[in-house]
Amino acid sequence: MTTTTPQKLPSWFRQDIPNIEKIRSMQKMFRSTGLHTVCESARCPNMGKCWGQGVATFMILGEICTRACRFCAVKAGHPMKVDEKEPKHIADAVKALQLRYVVITSVARDDLPDEGAQHFYETIQAVRQAMPNIKIEVLIPDFSNKWDSLKVVVDAKPEVVSHNVESVKRLSNRIRPQASYERSLDVLRNFKKLDRDIFTKSSIMVGLGETEEELISTMKDLLAVECDILTIGQYLAPTQLKRHLPVETFYTPDQFKSLKTLGMKLGFKHVMSGPLVRSSFIAEEGYRECVESLG
C-alpha cells in the first residue's frame, strides 16, 4: 500500500487535553446501540473538544459509503442493510445527552432507491418525538439531486439543511469524482424552492491548491443559490495513503479571519472560518445568527 510522508501541523493546531472520562462514557453509549458518529468515522480534529462537551454529530445509514471521495476518511465499499432501529437509537442517545441542537449526517447510499432520504425522515421524526423542542440540522449527501428524495427530507422540517460543495469548481472532480460541483449547487437551490423557511448551509475546505479568486467565485456561486450559512476549514489529509490528497497549503488564523470577513461582506447570514472548523462545528451558532437576521 503506497503512502506519502506525514506533514507536520503548524503550531495553531494544538488543542487542550479533552475530558477523557466524558469521551469514554459517550463511546460506551454509542457502542451499546451500534451508533456511528462522523466525529470518529471522519477522524474529525474537534472530536475531543466536542465530545468533552457532550456534543456529537450522528452518522446514520451505517459506516460504509458508496462513494470514495479523496478527502474523506469514511470507509468506502458495499454497505450493509439499513438498520430499522437506528432512528430510535439516535433519538434515545439525543435524549440521554439532553441536546438542544443536533446534527445528523450520513454516508452516501447510492445503492438505495431514494439514497436514504426516508431514513433521514424517520430519524428526524424519532428525535422530535423524544425531544419536542430540539433544533435539528441535517448534513446530507446529494441524493443525486432527486427531487422526490429532497422533498422527503424537507417534509421532516429540519431547521437547517446542509450540503457541502467541499471545494472550488476547478478541483471538484479531482476531489469528489462521483459528485459534481454544479449538482451540489442545484441541491441547495432546490431546497430553497421546496421550502424557503429552511436555512441552507455549505462548506469549503481550503489548502488544496485553490486561489483566492476561486474562493470568492465559490462564495458567489453559493450566494446565487441563496445559501445562508458557510463554513470554511483547513483540509487535513485523513491518512498518508496515496488515495487521500496531500495538503498543498496551511492557511493561517489571520487568513481564515479575512475569509470570514469577506463572506459576511458578500452576504452570508453566518460564516464560521478557522483552521479546525468543520461543517458541524458549533453548528447551533450559525442557526441562531440566521434566526436573529430575520429580526
Protein backbone atom coordinates (compact mmCIF):
# COMPACT_ATOMS: atom_id res chain seq x y z
CA MET A 1 0.00 0.00 0.00
CA THR A 2 1.62 3.29 -1.12
CA THR A 3 1.92 6.10 1.38
CA THR A 4 3.25 9.64 1.45
CA THR A 5 5.43 11.40 4.02
CA PRO A 6 3.43 12.75 7.01
CA GLN A 7 3.07 16.54 7.12
CA LYS A 8 3.87 18.45 10.31
CA LEU A 9 0.98 20.59 11.53
CA PRO A 10 1.55 24.28 12.32
CA SER A 11 1.52 25.36 15.96
CA TRP A 12 -2.01 26.78 15.80
CA PHE A 13 -3.48 23.26 15.56
CA ARG A 14 -2.57 22.48 19.18
CA GLN A 15 -5.58 21.84 21.41
CA ASP A 16 -6.24 21.43 25.13
CA ILE A 17 -6.45 17.91 26.57
CA PRO A 18 -10.15 16.88 26.41
CA ASN A 19 -12.30 15.37 29.15
CA ILE A 20 -11.29 11.71 28.79
CA GLU A 21 -13.98 10.38 31.13
CA LYS A 22 -16.72 12.15 29.16
CA ILE A 23 -15.35 10.77 25.91
CA ARG A 24 -15.29 7.22 27.31
CA SER A 25 -18.85 7.46 28.59
CA MET A 26 -20.06 8.64 25.18
CA GLN A 27 -18.14 5.89 23.40
CA LYS A 28 -19.78 3.34 25.68
CA MET A 29 -23.25 4.67 24.86
CA PHE A 30 -22.60 4.65 21.12
CA ARG A 31 -21.15 1.14 21.13
CA SER A 32 -24.04 -0.28 23.15
CA THR A 33 -26.53 0.63 20.40
CA GLY A 34 -24.28 0.29 17.35
CA LEU A 35 -24.44 4.02 16.60
CA HIS A 36 -21.86 5.78 14.47
CA THR A 37 -20.62 9.35 14.64
CA VAL A 38 -18.98 11.28 11.85
CA CYS A 39 -16.63 12.54 14.55
CA GLU A 40 -14.94 9.13 14.65
CA SER A 41 -15.53 7.94 11.10
CA ALA A 42 -14.16 11.11 9.51
CA ARG A 43 -11.40 11.48 12.12
CA CYS A 44 -12.52 14.98 12.99
CA PRO A 45 -9.84 17.01 14.81
CA ASN A 46 -12.52 18.51 17.08
CA MET A 47 -13.78 15.18 18.43
CA GLY A 48 -12.12 15.52 21.83
CA LYS A 49 -13.38 19.07 22.32
CA CYS A 50 -16.95 18.37 21.21
CA TRP A 51 -17.30 15.04 22.98
CA GLY A 52 -15.87 16.60 26.11
CA GLN A 53 -18.84 18.98 25.99
CA GLY A 54 -21.34 16.18 25.34
CA VAL A 55 -21.83 17.12 21.68
CA ALA A 56 -21.63 14.78 18.68
CA THR A 57 -22.72 14.60 15.05
CA PHE A 58 -24.60 11.38 14.43
CA MET A 59 -24.00 9.44 11.22
CA ILE A 60 -26.88 7.29 10.03
CA LEU A 61 -27.24 4.59 7.35
CA GLY A 62 -24.18 2.69 8.54
CA GLU A 63 -20.48 3.48 8.36
CA ILE A 64 -19.65 2.36 4.81
CA CYS A 65 -20.07 4.86 1.98
CA THR A 66 -20.83 4.01 -1.65
CA ARG A 67 -18.51 6.82 -2.78
CA ALA A 68 -14.77 7.23 -2.30
CA CYS A 69 -14.01 10.94 -2.12
CA ARG A 70 -10.30 11.71 -1.99
CA PHE A 71 -10.52 13.94 1.08
CA CYS A 72 -12.61 11.67 3.30
CA ALA A 73 -11.67 9.09 5.93
CA VAL A 74 -15.06 7.33 5.95
CA LYS A 75 -14.81 3.75 4.69
CA ALA A 76 -15.98 3.12 1.14
CA GLY A 77 -17.38 -0.12 -0.23
CA HIS A 78 -20.55 -2.20 -0.20
CA PRO A 79 -22.79 -1.02 2.67
CA MET A 80 -24.77 -3.31 4.93
CA LYS A 81 -28.54 -3.49 5.28
CA VAL A 82 -30.17 -0.38 6.76
CA ASP A 83 -30.83 -0.75 10.50
CA GLU A 84 -34.54 -0.07 11.00
CA LYS A 85 -33.96 0.52 14.72
CA GLU A 86 -31.39 3.23 14.12
CA PRO A 87 -33.84 6.20 14.27
CA LYS A 88 -34.96 5.15 17.76
CA HIS A 89 -31.37 4.58 18.90
CA ILE A 90 -30.43 8.06 17.68
CA ALA A 91 -33.43 9.56 19.48
CA ASP A 92 -32.53 7.71 22.69
CA ALA A 93 -28.95 8.97 22.53
CA VAL A 94 -30.05 12.55 21.88
CA LYS A 95 -32.39 12.37 24.88
CA ALA A 96 -29.71 10.83 27.09
CA LEU A 97 -27.36 13.67 26.18
CA GLN A 98 -30.15 16.24 26.67
CA LEU A 99 -29.16 18.04 23.49
CA ARG A 100 -30.89 21.25 22.43
CA TYR A 101 -29.34 21.12 18.95
CA VAL A 102 -28.32 18.04 16.99
CA VAL A 103 -26.63 17.44 13.64
CA ILE A 104 -27.48 14.27 11.71
CA THR A 105 -25.46 13.23 8.69
CA SER A 106 -24.94 10.05 6.70
CA VAL A 107 -22.76 8.16 4.32
CA ALA A 108 -23.78 8.23 0.66
CA ARG A 109 -26.13 5.34 -0.15
CA ASP A 110 -26.34 5.20 -3.94
CA ASP A 111 -27.47 1.59 -3.54
CA LEU A 112 -30.88 2.63 -2.18
CA PRO A 113 -33.72 3.82 -4.49
CA ASP A 114 -34.15 7.07 -2.52
CA GLU A 115 -30.46 7.11 -1.45
CA GLY A 116 -31.52 7.17 2.21
CA ALA A 117 -33.95 10.10 2.27
CA GLN A 118 -36.75 8.20 4.03
CA HIS A 119 -34.34 7.07 6.73
CA PHE A 120 -33.44 10.71 7.34
CA TYR A 121 -37.16 11.48 7.64
CA GLU A 122 -37.74 8.69 10.15
CA THR A 123 -34.71 9.69 12.21
CA ILE A 124 -35.80 13.33 12.37
CA GLN A 125 -39.31 12.29 13.40
CA ALA A 126 -38.00 9.95 16.11
CA VAL A 127 -35.74 12.67 17.54
CA ARG A 128 -38.58 15.20 17.58
CA GLN A 129 -40.85 12.75 19.35
CA ALA A 130 -38.23 12.19 22.03
CA MET A 131 -37.22 15.87 22.31
CA PRO A 132 -40.03 18.13 21.00
CA ASN A 133 -38.12 21.40 21.46
CA ILE A 134 -34.85 20.33 19.87
CA LYS A 135 -33.45 22.07 16.79
CA ILE A 136 -32.25 19.73 14.04
CA GLU A 137 -29.65 20.21 11.33
CA VAL A 138 -29.07 17.58 8.65
CA LEU A 139 -25.92 17.29 6.57
CA ILE A 140 -26.94 15.29 3.53
CA PRO A 141 -25.27 13.67 0.53
CA ASP A 142 -26.55 14.95 -2.82
CA PHE A 143 -29.22 12.23 -3.31
CA SER A 144 -28.27 12.58 -6.99
CA ASN A 145 -30.44 15.72 -6.82
CA LYS A 146 -33.61 13.59 -6.97
CA TRP A 147 -36.48 15.98 -6.33
CA ASP A 148 -38.61 13.38 -4.54
CA SER A 149 -35.76 12.47 -2.17
CA LEU A 150 -35.04 16.11 -1.38
CA LYS A 151 -38.75 16.68 -0.70
CA VAL A 152 -38.87 13.79 1.78
CA VAL A 153 -36.16 15.50 3.84
CA VAL A 154 -37.89 18.89 3.61
CA ASP A 155 -41.18 17.36 4.74
CA ALA A 156 -39.49 16.32 8.00
CA LYS A 157 -38.93 20.05 8.72
CA PRO A 158 -35.32 20.26 9.92
CA GLU A 159 -34.27 23.78 10.85
CA VAL A 160 -31.10 23.63 8.73
CA VAL A 161 -30.21 21.56 5.68
CA SER A 162 -26.52 21.38 4.89
CA HIS A 163 -24.88 20.06 1.75
CA ASN A 164 -21.21 20.70 1.07
CA VAL A 165 -19.66 21.80 -2.19
CA GLU A 166 -16.35 20.93 -0.43
CA SER A 167 -14.04 22.78 -2.83
CA VAL A 168 -13.77 25.25 -5.68
CA LYS A 169 -15.13 24.26 -9.09
CA ARG A 170 -11.74 23.58 -10.73
CA LEU A 171 -10.77 21.00 -8.09
CA SER A 172 -14.17 19.40 -7.58
CA ASN A 173 -13.89 16.46 -9.98
CA ARG A 174 -10.47 15.53 -8.61
CA ILE A 175 -11.63 15.67 -5.00
CA ARG A 176 -15.14 14.20 -5.46
CA PRO A 177 -15.02 12.06 -8.63
CA GLN A 178 -18.52 10.64 -8.04
CA ALA A 179 -20.10 14.01 -7.28
CA SER A 180 -20.50 17.30 -9.14
CA TYR A 181 -19.97 20.93 -8.19
CA GLU A 182 -22.96 22.07 -10.26
CA ARG A 183 -25.16 19.30 -8.88
CA SER A 184 -24.31 20.35 -5.34
CA LEU A 185 -25.36 23.90 -6.15
CA ASP A 186 -28.59 22.57 -7.66
CA VAL A 187 -29.31 20.61 -4.46
CA LEU A 188 -29.03 23.77 -2.38
CA ARG A 189 -31.13 25.70 -4.91
CA ASN A 190 -33.85 23.06 -4.86
CA PHE A 191 -34.11 23.05 -1.08
CA LYS A 192 -34.98 26.75 -1.20
CA LYS A 193 -37.55 26.03 -3.91
CA LEU A 194 -39.12 23.36 -1.72
CA ASP A 195 -39.22 25.41 1.48
CA ARG A 196 -37.96 28.98 1.81
CA ASP A 197 -38.17 28.81 5.60
CA ILE A 198 -35.37 26.21 5.84
CA PHE A 199 -31.89 27.65 6.29
CA THR A 200 -29.31 26.15 3.96
CA LYS A 201 -25.63 25.67 4.62
CA SER A 202 -22.48 24.57 2.82
CA SER A 203 -18.78 24.12 3.50
CA ILE A 204 -15.47 24.70 1.73
CA MET A 205 -12.13 23.08 2.53
CA VAL A 206 -9.02 25.16 1.85
CA GLY A 207 -5.41 24.15 1.38
CA LEU A 208 -5.89 22.01 -1.73
CA GLY A 209 -4.37 24.45 -4.21
CA GLU A 210 -7.29 26.82 -4.73
CA THR A 211 -6.76 30.54 -5.35
CA GLU A 212 -8.38 33.47 -3.56
CA GLU A 213 -10.25 34.34 -6.75
CA GLU A 214 -11.65 30.81 -6.90
CA LEU A 215 -12.78 31.00 -3.29
CA ILE A 216 -14.56 34.28 -3.97
CA SER A 217 -16.21 32.75 -7.04
CA THR A 218 -17.38 29.76 -4.97
CA MET A 219 -18.85 32.04 -2.32
CA LYS A 220 -20.73 33.96 -5.01
CA ASP A 221 -21.99 30.69 -6.53
CA LEU A 222 -23.35 29.67 -3.13
CA LEU A 223 -25.00 33.03 -2.56
CA ALA A 224 -26.59 32.80 -6.02
CA VAL A 225 -28.49 29.70 -4.82
CA GLU A 226 -29.42 31.55 -1.58
CA CYS A 227 -27.14 29.61 0.76
CA ASP A 228 -27.43 31.14 4.25
CA ILE A 229 -24.51 29.66 6.20
CA LEU A 230 -20.92 28.98 5.15
CA THR A 231 -18.17 27.15 6.99
CA ILE A 232 -14.54 27.26 5.90
CA GLY A 233 -11.87 24.97 7.33
CA GLN A 234 -8.38 23.65 6.70
CA TYR A 235 -8.15 20.42 4.73
CA LEU A 236 -6.15 17.77 6.60
CA ALA A 237 -5.28 14.51 4.85
CA PRO A 238 -7.03 11.77 6.89
CA THR A 239 -4.27 9.25 6.11
CA GLN A 240 -0.95 9.16 4.29
CA LEU A 241 -2.34 6.78 1.67
CA LYS A 242 -1.95 7.91 -1.94
CA ARG A 243 -5.74 7.94 -2.45
CA HIS A 244 -6.00 10.80 0.03
CA LEU A 245 -4.84 14.12 -1.36
CA PRO A 246 -1.93 15.87 0.38
CA VAL A 247 -2.23 19.35 1.87
CA GLU A 248 -0.90 21.98 -0.53
CA THR A 249 -1.07 24.96 1.84
CA PHE A 250 -1.77 25.61 5.53
CA TYR A 251 -3.82 28.78 5.92
CA THR A 252 -3.01 30.96 8.92
CA PRO A 253 -5.59 32.05 11.52
CA ASP A 254 -5.41 35.58 10.08
CA GLN A 255 -6.23 34.27 6.60
CA PHE A 256 -9.28 32.49 8.00
CA LYS A 257 -10.40 35.70 9.70
CA SER A 258 -10.10 37.50 6.37
CA LEU A 259 -12.22 34.83 4.66
CA LYS A 260 -14.91 35.21 7.34
CA THR A 261 -14.94 38.98 6.87
CA LEU A 262 -15.17 38.55 3.10
CA GLY A 263 -18.02 36.03 3.35
CA MET A 264 -20.06 38.26 5.63
CA LYS A 265 -19.43 41.26 3.39
CA LEU A 266 -20.62 39.31 0.34
CA GLY A 267 -23.89 38.47 2.07
CA PHE A 268 -23.92 35.21 4.07
CA LYS A 269 -26.00 35.32 7.25
CA HIS A 270 -23.27 33.46 9.13
CA VAL A 271 -19.69 32.43 8.36
CA MET A 272 -17.61 30.14 10.56
CA SER A 273 -13.98 30.16 9.40
CA GLY A 274 -10.92 28.70 11.10
CA PRO A 275 -8.21 26.03 10.88
CA LEU A 276 -10.24 23.42 12.78
CA VAL A 277 -13.69 24.42 11.55
CA ARG A 278 -15.76 21.59 10.09
CA SER A 279 -19.33 21.52 8.75
CA SER A 280 -20.90 20.66 12.08
CA PHE A 281 -18.57 22.59 14.39
CA ILE A 282 -20.58 24.73 16.84
CA ALA A 283 -23.46 24.38 14.37
CA GLU A 284 -26.05 25.93 16.68
CA GLU A 285 -24.30 29.31 16.43
CA GLY A 286 -25.00 29.51 12.70
CA TYR A 287 -28.66 28.70 13.19
CA ARG A 288 -29.02 31.33 15.92
CA GLU A 289 -27.46 34.05 13.76
CA CYS A 290 -29.80 33.16 10.89
CA VAL A 291 -32.83 33.49 13.16
CA GLU A 292 -31.52 36.81 14.50
CA SER A 293 -31.04 38.08 10.96
CA LEU A 294 -34.79 37.78 10.41
CA GLY A 295 -35.36 40.31 13.17
